[in-house]
Amino acid sequence: MTSERRARTWGLAVVATGVAAIVALSAWQPWRTAATLDAASGAASASDVEPLSVPADARVLVFGDSWTYGAAANRPTEGYAYRLGELEGWDVTVDGVRGSGYMRAGIDGPDFATRAEYLDPDADYDLVIIQGSINDRLQGAFGYRDAVDVAWDRFERTYPRAQFVILGPTPHAFPVHEGTGRIDRDLQAEAAERHWWYISPLQEQWITPANYLDVIDPGAGRWHPSTEGHRYLAERLVAALAERTATTDAGAPADEDLTPVVP
């Protein structure tokens, strides 16, 4: 067998092994750990958080890491955060720094709290979405929630009128790293204390082994969402926000007399 043929055969074997692993993981569902399920069951109920009320022409800030930046999309402006604005008709400002987190500085800028200190105080956003970050998964639990508090305090001081939504970490690989699960639980608990909405792509299974390769580009994209993956995430985020938004009764006013008139 030639070297070229041996290399081709080895490559096909690796692909087959990877597909088999994904199928096995789909059945096993390792992301549904006991700790994750406990976090889901302990989430603040809808009655604890005010429904969102976002105007049609809302000014929105989406703040986060490389996923918010639009990494691995054909162009960063095809990332989920930009698509959110297109889908909803909102004026969206995107602030994503690759590699950044609450405890970790990024490639293009510092950690979340430091970045929050330099946000434009005159922006007057209606909605602020803070995304991520899996970049903190290796930093350990010590000091993590303190770093989250510092960052969120700065957001609140800068935008006291805004509504806040926390978009938790989204798995980029399987099995899900234990640090990602810890971050998800910590952020959920912190958001509940502030009566903010928390969206957990991990608990809601936005990405599973079954759809992994449809969403994530593990090759050139270096485990970031592909262009189509960003489109999918934007659609899931729109749906999640809609579930948390106040609805109005399109019928008659509550004080209208609806007593039937009998001739």
C-alpha atoms as a PDB file:
ATOM      1  CA  MET A   1       0.000   0.000   0.000  1.00  0.00           C
ATOM      2  CA  THR A   2       1.404   3.401  -0.942  1.00  0.00           C
ATOM      3  CA  SER A   3       2.015   6.134   1.645  1.00  0.00           C
ATOM      4  CA  GLU A   4      -0.690   8.246   0.012  1.00  0.00           C
ATOM      5  CA  ARG A   5      -3.215   5.424   0.169  1.00  0.00           C
ATOM      6  CA  ARG A   6      -2.315   4.642   3.795  1.00  0.00           C
ATOM      7  CA  ALA A   7      -2.810   8.325   4.718  1.00  0.00           C
ATOM      8  CA  ARG A   8      -6.200   8.365   2.975  1.00  0.00           C
ATOM      9  CA  THR A   9      -7.265   5.197   4.774  1.00  0.00           C
ATOM     10  CA  TRP A  10      -6.126   6.602   8.134  1.00  0.00           C
ATOM     11  CA  GLY A  11      -8.026   9.841   7.511  1.00  0.00           C
ATOM     12  CA  LEU A  12     -11.257   7.981   6.724  1.00  0.00           C
ATOM     13  CA  ALA A  13     -10.835   5.942   9.894  1.00  0.00           C
ATOM     14  CA  VAL A  14     -10.484   9.121  11.977  1.00  0.00           C
ATOM     15  CA  VAL A  15     -13.644  10.600  10.436  1.00  0.00           C
ATOM     16  CA  ALA A  16     -15.554   7.359  11.045  1.00  0.00           C
ATOM     17  CA  THR A  17     -14.382   7.290  14.645  1.00  0.00           C
ATOM     18  CA  GLY A  18     -15.478  10.896  15.139  1.00  0.00           C
ATOM     19  CA  VAL A  19     -18.943  10.225  13.706  1.00  0.00           C
ATOM     20  CA  ALA A  20     -19.329   7.175  15.926  1.00  0.00           C
ATOM     21  CA  ALA A  21     -18.350   9.248  18.962  1.00  0.00           C
ATOM     22  CA  ILE A  22     -20.925  11.902  18.145  1.00  0.00           C
ATOM     23  CA  VAL A  23     -23.650   9.268  17.765  1.00  0.00           C
ATOM     24  CA  ALA A  24     -22.661   7.710  21.081  1.00  0.00           C
ATOM     25  CA  LEU A  25     -22.650  11.064  22.836  1.00  0.00           C
ATOM     26  CA  SER A  26     -26.091  11.829  21.418  1.00  0.00           C
ATOM     27  CA  ALA A  27     -27.460   8.765  23.165  1.00  0.00           C
ATOM     28  CA  TRP A  28     -25.488   9.337  26.361  1.00  0.00           C
ATOM     29  CA  GLN A  29     -26.226  13.096  26.662  1.00  0.00           C
ATOM     30  CA  PRO A  30     -23.252  13.914  28.951  1.00  0.00           C
ATOM     31  CA  TRP A  31     -24.203  17.575  29.053  1.00  0.00           C
ATOM     32  CA  ARG A  32     -27.277  16.639  31.112  1.00  0.00           C
ATOM     33  CA  THR A  33     -25.261  16.110  34.270  1.00  0.00           C
ATOM     34  CA  ALA A  34     -26.854  15.925  37.680  1.00  0.00           C
ATOM     35  CA  ALA A  35     -25.364  19.300  38.579  1.00  0.00           C
ATOM     36  CA  THR A  36     -26.820  20.901  35.464  1.00  0.00           C
ATOM     37  CA  LEU A  37     -30.228  19.401  36.123  1.00  0.00           C
ATOM     38  CA  ASP A  38     -30.110  20.645  39.705  1.00  0.00           C
ATOM     39  CA  ALA A  39     -29.317  24.143  38.436  1.00  0.00           C
ATOM     40  CA  ALA A  40     -32.216  24.000  36.009  1.00  0.00           C
ATOM     41  CA  SER A  41     -34.665  22.913  38.693  1.00  0.00           C
ATOM     42  CA  GLY A  42     -33.407  25.657  41.004  1.00  0.00           C
ATOM     43  CA  ALA A  43     -33.853  28.485  38.528  1.00  0.00           C
ATOM     44  CA  ALA A  44     -35.819  31.538  39.508  1.00  0.00           C
ATOM     45  CA  SER A  45     -39.431  31.184  38.441  1.00  0.00           C
ATOM     46  CA  ALA A  46     -40.953  33.531  35.880  1.00  0.00           C
ATOM     47  CA  SER A  47     -42.912  35.235  38.671  1.00  0.00           C
ATOM     48  CA  ASP A  48     -39.622  36.382  40.217  1.00  0.00           C
ATOM     49  CA  VAL A  49     -38.554  38.353  37.133  1.00  0.00           C
ATOM     50  CA  GLU A  50     -40.366  41.171  35.380  1.00  0.00           C
ATOM     51  CA  PRO A  51     -41.280  40.318  31.780  1.00  0.00           C
ATOM     52  CA  LEU A  52     -39.193  42.102  29.195  1.00  0.00           C
ATOM     53  CA  SER A  53     -40.762  45.094  27.503  1.00  0.00           C
ATOM     54  CA  VAL A  54     -38.644  45.972  24.492  1.00  0.00           C
ATOM     55  CA  PRO A  55     -39.835  48.644  22.046  1.00  0.00           C
ATOM     56  CA  ALA A  56     -39.906  47.888  18.335  1.00  0.00           C
ATOM     57  CA  ASP A  57     -37.144  50.419  17.698  1.00  0.00           C
ATOM     58  CA  ALA A  58     -35.074  49.357  20.700  1.00  0.00           C
ATOM     59  CA  ARG A  59     -31.455  50.270  21.220  1.00  0.00           C
ATOM     60  CA  VAL A  60     -29.686  47.104  22.306  1.00  0.00           C
ATOM     61  CA  LEU A  61     -26.171  46.273  23.465  1.00  0.00           C
ATOM     62  CA  VAL A  62     -24.888  42.727  22.969  1.00  0.00           C
ATOM     63  CA  PHE A  63     -21.706  42.319  24.981  1.00  0.00           C
ATOM     64  CA  GLY A  64     -19.554  39.220  25.137  1.00  0.00           C
ATOM     65  CA  ASP A  65     -16.654  37.211  23.769  1.00  0.00           C
ATOM     66  CA  SER A  66     -15.655  35.804  20.369  1.00  0.00           C
ATOM     67  CA  TRP A  67     -19.118  34.371  19.751  1.00  0.00           C
ATOM     68  CA  THR A  68     -20.537  37.888  20.054  1.00  0.00           C
ATOM     69  CA  TYR A  69     -17.659  39.186  17.927  1.00  0.00           C
ATOM     70  CA  GLY A  70     -18.825  36.891  15.133  1.00  0.00           C
ATOM     71  CA  ALA A  71     -15.797  34.608  15.026  1.00  0.00           C
ATOM     72  CA  ALA A  72     -15.814  31.911  12.293  1.00  0.00           C
ATOM     73  CA  ALA A  73     -18.688  33.503  10.357  1.00  0.00           C
ATOM     74  CA  ASN A  74     -17.851  34.400   6.754  1.00  0.00           C
ATOM     75  CA  ARG A  75     -17.729  37.960   8.040  1.00  0.00           C
ATOM     76  CA  PRO A  76     -18.007  39.036  11.692  1.00  0.00           C
ATOM     77  CA  THR A  77     -21.096  41.051  10.755  1.00  0.00           C
ATOM     78  CA  GLU A  78     -22.834  37.740  10.000  1.00  0.00           C
ATOM     79  CA  GLY A  79     -22.470  36.748  13.648  1.00  0.00           C
ATOM     80  CA  TYR A  80     -25.485  36.018  15.829  1.00  0.00           C
ATOM     81  CA  ALA A  81     -25.452  39.423  17.549  1.00  0.00           C
ATOM     82  CA  TYR A  82     -25.673  41.305  14.251  1.00  0.00           C
ATOM     83  CA  ARG A  83     -28.339  38.923  12.982  1.00  0.00           C
ATOM     84  CA  LEU A  84     -30.368  39.606  16.126  1.00  0.00           C
ATOM     85  CA  GLY A  85     -30.671  43.225  15.039  1.00  0.00           C
ATOM     86  CA  GLU A  86     -31.687  42.205  11.520  1.00  0.00           C
ATOM     87  CA  LEU A  87     -34.325  39.761  12.749  1.00  0.00           C
ATOM     88  CA  GLU A  88     -35.865  42.115  15.296  1.00  0.00           C
ATOM     89  CA  GLY A  89     -35.339  45.449  13.567  1.00  0.00           C
ATOM     90  CA  TRP A  90     -33.392  46.734  16.570  1.00  0.00           C
ATOM     91  CA  ASP A  91     -30.483  49.153  16.624  1.00  0.00           C
ATOM     92  CA  VAL A  92     -27.882  46.733  17.984  1.00  0.00           C
ATOM     93  CA  THR A  93     -24.419  47.685  19.187  1.00  0.00           C
ATOM     94  CA  VAL A  94     -22.089  44.680  19.199  1.00  0.00           C
ATOM     95  CA  ASP A  95     -19.215  44.602  21.689  1.00  0.00           C
ATOM     96  CA  GLY A  96     -17.392  41.284  21.424  1.00  0.00           C
ATOM     97  CA  VAL A  97     -13.775  40.671  22.378  1.00  0.00           C
ATOM     98  CA  ARG A  98     -12.224  37.362  21.371  1.00  0.00           C
ATOM     99  CA  GLY A  99     -10.889  35.264  24.240  1.00  0.00           C
ATOM    100  CA  SER A 100     -12.304  37.493  26.976  1.00  0.00           C
ATOM    101  CA  GLY A 101     -14.287  36.546  30.062  1.00  0.00           C
ATOM    102  CA  TYR A 102     -15.124  37.774  33.534  1.00  0.00           C
ATOM    103  CA  MET A 103     -11.699  36.716  34.803  1.00  0.00           C
ATOM    104  CA  ARG A 104      -9.704  36.528  31.619  1.00  0.00           C
ATOM    105  CA  ALA A 105      -8.453  39.251  29.293  1.00  0.00           C
ATOM    106  CA  GLY A 106      -8.995  38.716  25.587  1.00  0.00           C
ATOM    107  CA  ILE A 107      -7.044  39.040  22.365  1.00  0.00           C
ATOM    108  CA  ASP A 108      -8.472  42.445  21.482  1.00  0.00           C
ATOM    109  CA  GLY A 109      -9.232  43.851  24.919  1.00  0.00           C
ATOM    110  CA  PRO A 110      -9.385  43.271  28.686  1.00  0.00           C
ATOM    111  CA  ASP A 111     -11.771  41.295  30.902  1.00  0.00           C
ATOM    112  CA  PHE A 112     -15.498  42.002  31.121  1.00  0.00           C
ATOM    113  CA  ALA A 113     -15.389  44.291  34.174  1.00  0.00           C
ATOM    114  CA  THR A 114     -12.615  46.454  32.738  1.00  0.00           C
ATOM    115  CA  ARG A 115     -14.403  46.704  29.410  1.00  0.00           C
ATOM    116  CA  ALA A 116     -17.638  47.627  31.196  1.00  0.00           C
ATOM    117  CA  GLU A 117     -15.858  50.561  32.815  1.00  0.00           C
ATOM    118  CA  TYR A 118     -15.329  52.158  29.395  1.00  0.00           C
ATOM    119  CA  LEU A 119     -18.816  51.729  27.941  1.00  0.00           C
ATOM    120  CA  ASP A 120     -20.544  54.802  26.530  1.00  0.00           C
ATOM    121  CA  PRO A 121     -22.739  56.190  29.344  1.00  0.00           C
ATOM    122  CA  ASP A 122     -24.790  58.237  26.873  1.00  0.00           C
ATOM    123  CA  ALA A 123     -25.945  55.230  24.854  1.00  0.00           C
ATOM    124  CA  ASP A 124     -29.185  54.797  26.867  1.00  0.00           C
ATOM    125  CA  TYR A 125     -29.874  51.200  25.836  1.00  0.00           C
ATOM    126  CA  ASP A 126     -33.317  49.645  26.255  1.00  0.00           C
ATOM    127  CA  LEU A 127     -31.857  46.152  26.543  1.00  0.00           C
ATOM    128  CA  VAL A 128     -28.404  44.851  27.456  1.00  0.00           C
ATOM    129  CA  ILE A 129     -27.533  41.227  26.685  1.00  0.00           C
ATOM    130  CA  ILE A 130     -24.352  39.951  28.354  1.00  0.00           C
ATOM    131  CA  GLN A 131     -23.105  36.720  26.751  1.00  0.00           C
ATOM    132  CA  GLY A 132     -20.642  34.049  27.905  1.00  0.00           C
ATOM    133  CA  SER A 133     -18.128  33.079  28.643  1.00  0.00           C
ATOM    134  CA  ILE A 134     -16.593  29.638  28.260  1.00  0.00           C
ATOM    135  CA  ASN A 135     -13.218  31.406  28.318  1.00  0.00           C
ATOM    136  CA  ASP A 136     -13.373  31.338  32.130  1.00  0.00           C
ATOM    137  CA  ARG A 137     -13.854  27.567  32.330  1.00  0.00           C
ATOM    138  CA  LEU A 138     -10.204  26.904  33.238  1.00  0.00           C
ATOM    139  CA  GLN A 139      -9.843  29.801  35.687  1.00  0.00           C
ATOM    140  CA  GLY A 140     -11.405  28.018  38.648  1.00  0.00           C
ATOM    141  CA  ALA A 141     -14.263  28.972  40.942  1.00  0.00           C
ATOM    142  CA  PHE A 142     -12.276  31.126  43.368  1.00  0.00           C
ATOM    143  CA  GLY A 143     -13.119  34.793  42.818  1.00  0.00           C
ATOM    144  CA  TYR A 144     -15.380  34.091  39.850  1.00  0.00           C
ATOM    145  CA  ARG A 145     -18.668  35.318  41.282  1.00  0.00           C
ATOM    146  CA  ASP A 146     -16.926  38.371  42.724  1.00  0.00           C
ATOM    147  CA  ALA A 147     -15.674  39.215  39.217  1.00  0.00           C
ATOM    148  CA  VAL A 148     -19.200  38.791  37.856  1.00  0.00           C
ATOM    149  CA  ASP A 149     -20.596  41.122  40.523  1.00  0.00           C
ATOM    150  CA  VAL A 150     -18.032  43.816  39.738  1.00  0.00           C
ATOM    151  CA  ALA A 151     -18.827  43.675  36.023  1.00  0.00           C
ATOM    152  CA  TRP A 152     -22.592  43.676  36.467  1.00  0.00           C
ATOM    153  CA  ASP A 153     -22.461  46.510  39.015  1.00  0.00           C
ATOM    154  CA  ARG A 154     -20.693  48.632  36.410  1.00  0.00           C
ATOM    155  CA  PHE A 155     -23.307  47.779  33.805  1.00  0.00           C
ATOM    156  CA  GLU A 156     -26.104  48.764  36.182  1.00  0.00           C
ATOM    157  CA  ARG A 157     -24.471  52.056  37.121  1.00  0.00           C
ATOM    158  CA  THR A 158     -23.862  52.934  33.478  1.00  0.00           C
ATOM    159  CA  TYR A 159     -27.324  51.931  32.222  1.00  0.00           C
ATOM    160  CA  PRO A 160     -29.779  52.235  35.148  1.00  0.00           C
ATOM    161  CA  ARG A 161     -32.784  52.336  32.807  1.00  0.00           C
ATOM    162  CA  ALA A 162     -31.870  49.236  30.794  1.00  0.00           C
ATOM    163  CA  GLN A 163     -33.318  45.751  31.063  1.00  0.00           C
ATOM    164  CA  PHE A 164     -30.669  43.051  31.439  1.00  0.00           C
ATOM    165  CA  VAL A 165     -30.552  39.528  30.046  1.00  0.00           C
ATOM    166  CA  ILE A 166     -27.698  37.139  30.761  1.00  0.00           C
ATOM    167  CA  LEU A 167     -26.908  34.652  27.987  1.00  0.00           C
ATOM    168  CA  GLY A 168     -24.938  31.845  29.562  1.00  0.00           C
ATOM    169  CA  PRO A 169     -22.062  29.829  28.109  1.00  0.00           C
ATOM    170  CA  THR A 170     -22.767  27.730  25.034  1.00  0.00           C
ATOM    171  CA  PRO A 171     -20.895  24.424  24.701  1.00  0.00           C
ATOM    172  CA  HIS A 172     -18.273  24.384  21.979  1.00  0.00           C
ATOM    173  CA  ALA A 173     -17.284  20.730  22.389  1.00  0.00           C
ATOM    174  CA  PHE A 174     -18.509  17.470  23.909  1.00  0.00           C
ATOM    175  CA  PRO A 175     -18.389  16.241  26.548  1.00  0.00           C
ATOM    176  CA  VAL A 176     -19.074  19.625  28.113  1.00  0.00           C
ATOM    177  CA  HIS A 177     -16.199  20.772  30.323  1.00  0.00           C
ATOM    178  CA  GLU A 178     -17.041  20.736  34.038  1.00  0.00           C
ATOM    179  CA  GLY A 179     -15.937  24.364  34.244  1.00  0.00           C
ATOM    180  CA  THR A 180     -18.590  25.343  31.695  1.00  0.00           C
ATOM    181  CA  GLY A 181     -21.270  23.694  33.823  1.00  0.00           C
ATOM    182  CA  ARG A 182     -20.024  25.522  36.917  1.00  0.00           C
ATOM    183  CA  ILE A 183     -20.111  28.863  35.091  1.00  0.00           C
ATOM    184  CA  ASP A 184     -23.660  28.167  33.964  1.00  0.00           C
ATOM    185  CA  ARG A 185     -24.793  27.501  37.529  1.00  0.00           C
ATOM    186  CA  ASP A 186     -22.947  30.495  38.974  1.00  0.00           C
ATOM    187  CA  LEU A 187     -24.317  32.915  36.401  1.00  0.00           C
ATOM    188  CA  GLN A 188     -27.828  31.584  36.870  1.00  0.00           C
ATOM    189  CA  ALA A 189     -27.597  32.105  40.627  1.00  0.00           C
ATOM    190  CA  GLU A 190     -26.161  35.608  40.222  1.00  0.00           C
ATOM    191  CA  ALA A 191     -28.873  36.590  37.739  1.00  0.00           C
ATOM    192  CA  ALA A 192     -31.595  35.269  40.056  1.00  0.00           C
ATOM    193  CA  GLU A 193     -30.289  37.448  42.896  1.00  0.00           C
ATOM    194  CA  ARG A 194     -30.707  40.524  40.687  1.00  0.00           C
ATOM    195  CA  HIS A 195     -34.036  39.368  39.253  1.00  0.00           C
ATOM    196  CA  TRP A 196     -32.594  39.360  35.750  1.00  0.00           C
ATOM    197  CA  TRP A 197     -33.565  36.936  33.039  1.00  0.00           C
ATOM    198  CA  TYR A 198     -31.095  34.131  32.500  1.00  0.00           C
ATOM    199  CA  ILE A 199     -30.951  32.160  29.257  1.00  0.00           C
ATOM    200  CA  SER A 200     -29.010  28.899  29.435  1.00  0.00           C
ATOM    201  CA  PRO A 201     -28.126  27.447  26.020  1.00  0.00           C
ATOM    202  CA  LEU A 202     -26.585  24.555  27.953  1.00  0.00           C
ATOM    203  CA  GLN A 203     -29.719  23.624  29.877  1.00  0.00           C
ATOM    204  CA  GLU A 204     -31.999  24.343  26.917  1.00  0.00           C
ATOM    205  CA  GLN A 205     -29.784  22.160  24.713  1.00  0.00           C
ATOM    206  CA  TRP A 206     -29.248  24.634  21.898  1.00  0.00           C
ATOM    207  CA  ILE A 207     -26.247  22.564  20.843  1.00  0.00           C
ATOM    208  CA  THR A 208     -26.120  18.798  21.213  1.00  0.00           C
ATOM    209  CA  PRO A 209     -24.057  16.075  19.582  1.00  0.00           C
ATOM    210  CA  ALA A 210     -26.941  15.593  17.156  1.00  0.00           C
ATOM    211  CA  ASN A 211     -26.707  19.102  15.652  1.00  0.00           C
ATOM    212  CA  TYR A 212     -23.119  19.876  16.635  1.00  0.00           C
ATOM    213  CA  LEU A 213     -21.603  19.871  13.139  1.00  0.00           C
ATOM    214  CA  ASP A 214     -24.510  21.950  11.820  1.00  0.00           C
ATOM    215  CA  VAL A 215     -23.684  24.708  14.306  1.00  0.00           C
ATOM    216  CA  ILE A 216     -19.988  24.488  15.169  1.00  0.00           C
ATOM    217  CA  ASP A 217     -16.989  24.584  12.831  1.00  0.00           C
ATOM    218  CA  PRO A 218     -14.333  22.495  14.617  1.00  0.00           C
ATOM    219  CA  GLY A 219     -11.846  22.918  11.769  1.00  0.00           C
ATOM    220  CA  ALA A 220     -10.933  26.314  10.357  1.00  0.00           C
ATOM    221  CA  GLY A 221     -13.464  27.924  12.713  1.00  0.00           C
ATOM    222  CA  ARG A 222     -11.588  26.570  15.747  1.00  0.00           C
ATOM    223  CA  TRP A 223     -14.724  25.380  17.560  1.00  0.00           C
ATOM    224  CA  HIS A 224     -16.760  28.523  16.910  1.00  0.00           C
ATOM    225  CA  PRO A 225     -20.169  28.730  15.221  1.00  0.00           C
ATOM    226  CA  SER A 226     -20.170  28.624  11.438  1.00  0.00           C
ATOM    227  CA  THR A 227     -22.086  31.232   9.470  1.00  0.00           C
ATOM    228  CA  GLU A 228     -25.151  28.994   9.538  1.00  0.00           C
ATOM    229  CA  GLY A 229     -24.464  28.269  13.198  1.00  0.00           C
ATOM    230  CA  HIS A 230     -24.600  31.976  13.989  1.00  0.00           C
ATOM    231  CA  ARG A 231     -27.905  32.221  12.105  1.00  0.00           C
ATOM    232  CA  TYR A 232     -29.277  29.355  14.183  1.00  0.00           C
ATOM    233  CA  LEU A 233     -28.101  30.915  17.462  1.00  0.00           C
ATOM    234  CA  ALA A 234     -29.720  34.233  16.535  1.00  0.00           C
ATOM    235  CA  GLU A 235     -33.019  32.483  15.870  1.00  0.00           C
ATOM    236  CA  ARG A 236     -32.824  30.610  19.177  1.00  0.00           C
ATOM    237  CA  LEU A 237     -32.036  33.858  21.012  1.00  0.00           C
ATOM    238  CA  VAL A 238     -34.982  35.644  19.378  1.00  0.00           C
ATOM    239  CA  ALA A 239     -37.281  32.812  20.481  1.00  0.00           C
ATOM    240  CA  ALA A 240     -35.871  32.832  24.024  1.00  0.00           C
ATOM    241  CA  LEU A 241     -36.350  36.579  24.334  1.00  0.00           C
ATOM    242  CA  ALA A 242     -39.909  36.293  23.027  1.00  0.00           C
ATOM    243  CA  GLU A 243     -40.692  33.739  25.746  1.00  0.00           C
ATOM    244  CA  ARG A 244     -39.600  36.275  28.337  1.00  0.00           C
ATOM    245  CA  THR A 245     -41.394  39.275  26.852  1.00  0.00           C
ATOM    246  CA  ALA A 246     -44.631  40.776  28.109  1.00  0.00           C
ATOM    247  CA  THR A 247     -47.638  40.210  25.878  1.00  0.00           C
ATOM    248  CA  THR A 248     -50.755  42.343  25.666  1.00  0.00           C
ATOM    249  CA  ASP A 249     -54.320  41.191  25.160  1.00  0.00           C
ATOM    250  CA  ALA A 250     -55.470  42.197  21.707  1.00  0.00           C
ATOM    251  CA  GLY A 251     -59.109  42.014  22.817  1.00  0.00           C
ATOM    252  CA  ALA A 252     -61.315  44.618  24.391  1.00  0.00           C
ATOM    253  CA  PRO A 253     -60.127  46.787  27.319  1.00  0.00           C
ATOM    254  CA  ALA A 254     -60.581  45.223  30.722  1.00  0.00           C
ATOM    255  CA  ASP A 255     -63.072  47.864  31.855  1.00  0.00           C
ATOM    256  CA  GLU A 256     -65.357  47.471  28.856  1.00  0.00           C
ATOM    257  CA  ASP A 257     -68.828  46.147  29.676  1.00  0.00           C
ATOM    258  CA  LEU A 258     -69.074  42.765  27.986  1.00  0.00           C
ATOM    259  CA  THR A 259     -72.500  41.867  29.424  1.00  0.00           C
ATOM    260  CA  PRO A 260     -74.653  40.454  26.618  1.00  0.00           C
ATOM    261  CA  VAL A 261     -77.532  42.652  25.555  1.00  0.00           C
ATOM    262  CA  VAL A 262     -80.806  40.727  25.603  1.00  0.00           C
ATOM    263  CA  PRO A 263     -83.500  42.192  23.307  1.00  0.00           C
END
